[in-house]
Amino acid sequence: MKTLEPNRSNERRTNERFALQANLSHVVVHGNGSSLEGHVYDISGTGIRLELDKALAIGQIVEVDFFFAGILKGIHFTGVVTRVFDEIDDPGPRRMGIEILRFISDADELRMNSLLDSASLGMLR
């Protein structure tokens, strides 16, 4: 059995996650010929937790446009749905996790890194 190295929360992720206020973020997720709009609840350099009106399938590959207050152009990346919160525990709009697979351009990756490095995102989660 693998043991976790002790840290303040036994967090298994290696990248810091930032909690976002839903009213400051906007996301458009494209997959299977349709687009869904929603909000991001937390973000890191490797993934996002978001809310959409409809659940996506775990393992589904999607294109994501992420917008945050003060950013003029969306950050575009390809990701894979890694988690969908249980409908019983999460009624209404569905929350899910998407792992970032690759950024569409170097500029998108640079804008994401700049956003994460700035102090504008708020509290670490």
Protein backbone atom coordinates (compact mmCIF):
# COMPACT_ATOMS: atom_id res chain seq x y z
CA MET A 1 0.00 0.00 0.00
CA LYS A 2 1.39 3.36 -1.04
CA THR A 3 1.47 5.98 1.69
CA LEU A 4 1.11 9.66 1.05
CA GLU A 5 3.86 12.03 2.03
CA PRO A 6 2.54 14.17 4.86
CA ASN A 7 1.44 17.68 3.97
CA ARG A 8 -1.11 20.09 5.33
CA SER A 9 -4.07 18.30 3.74
CA ASN A 10 -2.76 14.97 2.39
CA GLU A 11 -3.45 16.41 -1.06
CA ARG A 12 -2.43 13.95 -3.77
CA ARG A 13 -2.24 16.52 -6.53
CA THR A 14 1.12 18.05 -7.32
CA ASN A 15 -0.24 21.33 -8.69
CA GLU A 16 -1.86 23.98 -6.54
CA ARG A 17 -5.60 24.38 -7.09
CA PHE A 18 -7.35 27.71 -6.83
CA ALA A 19 -10.99 28.05 -5.82
CA LEU A 20 -12.83 30.40 -8.18
CA GLN A 21 -16.01 32.36 -7.68
CA ALA A 22 -18.44 31.01 -10.24
CA ASN A 23 -19.56 34.50 -11.26
CA LEU A 24 -15.97 35.34 -12.34
CA SER A 25 -15.51 32.40 -14.69
CA HIS A 26 -17.18 31.14 -17.82
CA VAL A 27 -16.47 27.97 -19.73
CA VAL A 28 -17.66 26.55 -23.04
CA VAL A 29 -17.14 22.81 -23.49
CA HIS A 30 -17.32 21.32 -27.00
CA GLY A 31 -17.76 17.59 -27.51
CA ASN A 32 -19.79 15.12 -29.56
CA GLY A 33 -21.02 17.86 -31.88
CA SER A 34 -22.54 20.05 -29.16
CA SER A 35 -21.46 22.88 -26.87
CA LEU A 36 -22.33 23.40 -23.22
CA GLU A 37 -21.74 26.52 -21.15
CA GLY A 38 -20.98 26.64 -17.46
CA HIS A 39 -18.72 27.86 -14.67
CA VAL A 40 -15.38 26.76 -13.23
CA TYR A 41 -15.15 26.15 -9.47
CA ASP A 42 -11.47 25.40 -9.16
CA ILE A 43 -8.49 25.27 -11.45
CA SER A 44 -4.87 24.15 -11.55
CA GLY A 45 -2.25 23.78 -14.24
CA THR A 46 -3.46 20.24 -14.93
CA GLY A 47 -7.22 20.41 -14.63
CA ILE A 48 -10.48 22.11 -13.75
CA ARG A 49 -13.61 21.35 -11.75
CA LEU A 50 -16.61 22.82 -13.50
CA GLU A 51 -20.37 22.82 -13.61
CA LEU A 52 -22.49 22.22 -16.70
CA ASP A 53 -26.23 21.68 -17.14
CA LYS A 54 -25.61 18.17 -18.48
CA ALA A 55 -23.15 15.52 -17.34
CA LEU A 56 -20.45 14.42 -19.76
CA ALA A 57 -19.21 10.84 -19.97
CA ILE A 58 -16.10 9.84 -18.05
CA GLY A 59 -13.31 9.37 -20.58
CA GLN A 60 -14.88 11.75 -23.11
CA ILE A 61 -12.37 13.99 -24.90
CA VAL A 62 -13.53 17.61 -25.06
CA GLU A 63 -12.34 21.02 -26.25
CA VAL A 64 -12.60 23.71 -23.58
CA ASP A 65 -12.64 27.51 -23.80
CA PHE A 66 -12.02 28.99 -20.33
CA PHE A 67 -12.72 32.66 -19.63
CA PHE A 68 -11.89 34.50 -16.42
CA ALA A 69 -12.72 38.08 -15.47
CA GLY A 70 -10.10 40.39 -16.93
CA ILE A 71 -8.96 37.97 -19.65
CA LEU A 72 -9.82 39.26 -23.10
CA LYS A 73 -9.31 35.98 -24.97
CA GLY A 74 -10.35 32.55 -23.74
CA ILE A 75 -7.77 29.90 -22.88
CA HIS A 76 -8.34 26.94 -25.20
CA PHE A 77 -7.32 23.36 -24.37
CA THR A 78 -8.18 19.73 -24.97
CA GLY A 79 -9.11 17.67 -21.94
CA VAL A 80 -10.58 14.39 -20.77
CA VAL A 81 -13.47 14.04 -18.34
CA THR A 82 -12.04 12.25 -15.31
CA ARG A 83 -14.81 12.59 -12.76
CA VAL A 84 -18.54 13.24 -12.67
CA PHE A 85 -20.03 13.96 -9.27
CA ASP A 86 -22.89 11.67 -8.26
CA GLU A 87 -26.28 13.06 -9.24
CA ILE A 88 -27.67 12.16 -5.80
CA ASP A 89 -24.96 14.23 -4.08
CA ASP A 90 -25.01 16.97 -6.71
CA PRO A 91 -28.59 17.63 -7.92
CA GLY A 92 -29.21 20.21 -10.63
CA PRO A 93 -26.30 21.33 -12.80
CA ARG A 94 -23.61 18.65 -12.78
CA ARG A 95 -20.10 19.17 -11.49
CA MET A 96 -17.24 17.27 -13.04
CA GLY A 97 -13.49 17.23 -13.34
CA ILE A 98 -11.57 17.61 -16.58
CA GLU A 99 -7.86 16.86 -16.87
CA ILE A 100 -5.98 19.12 -19.26
CA LEU A 101 -4.31 17.00 -21.96
CA ARG A 102 -2.81 19.76 -24.11
CA PHE A 103 -3.19 23.42 -24.86
CA ILE A 104 -4.18 24.32 -28.40
CA SER A 105 -1.27 26.75 -28.66
CA ASP A 106 1.80 27.88 -26.75
CA ALA A 107 0.03 31.21 -26.23
CA ASP A 108 -2.88 29.46 -24.46
CA GLU A 109 -0.48 27.64 -22.16
CA LEU A 110 1.40 30.85 -21.45
CA ARG A 111 -1.84 32.69 -20.63
CA MET A 112 -2.90 29.87 -18.28
CA ASN A 113 0.49 29.88 -16.52
CA SER A 114 0.39 33.67 -16.20
CA LEU A 115 -3.09 33.49 -14.70
CA LEU A 116 -2.05 30.79 -12.22
CA ASP A 117 1.10 32.69 -11.27
CA SER A 118 -0.76 35.96 -10.72
CA ALA A 119 -2.45 36.71 -7.45
CA SER A 120 -5.79 37.35 -9.16
CA LEU A 121 -7.33 33.89 -8.78
CA GLY A 122 -8.02 34.01 -5.08
CA MET A 123 -7.53 31.39 -2.41
CA LEU A 124 -5.71 28.12 -2.76
CA ARG A 125 -8.00 25.17 -2.33
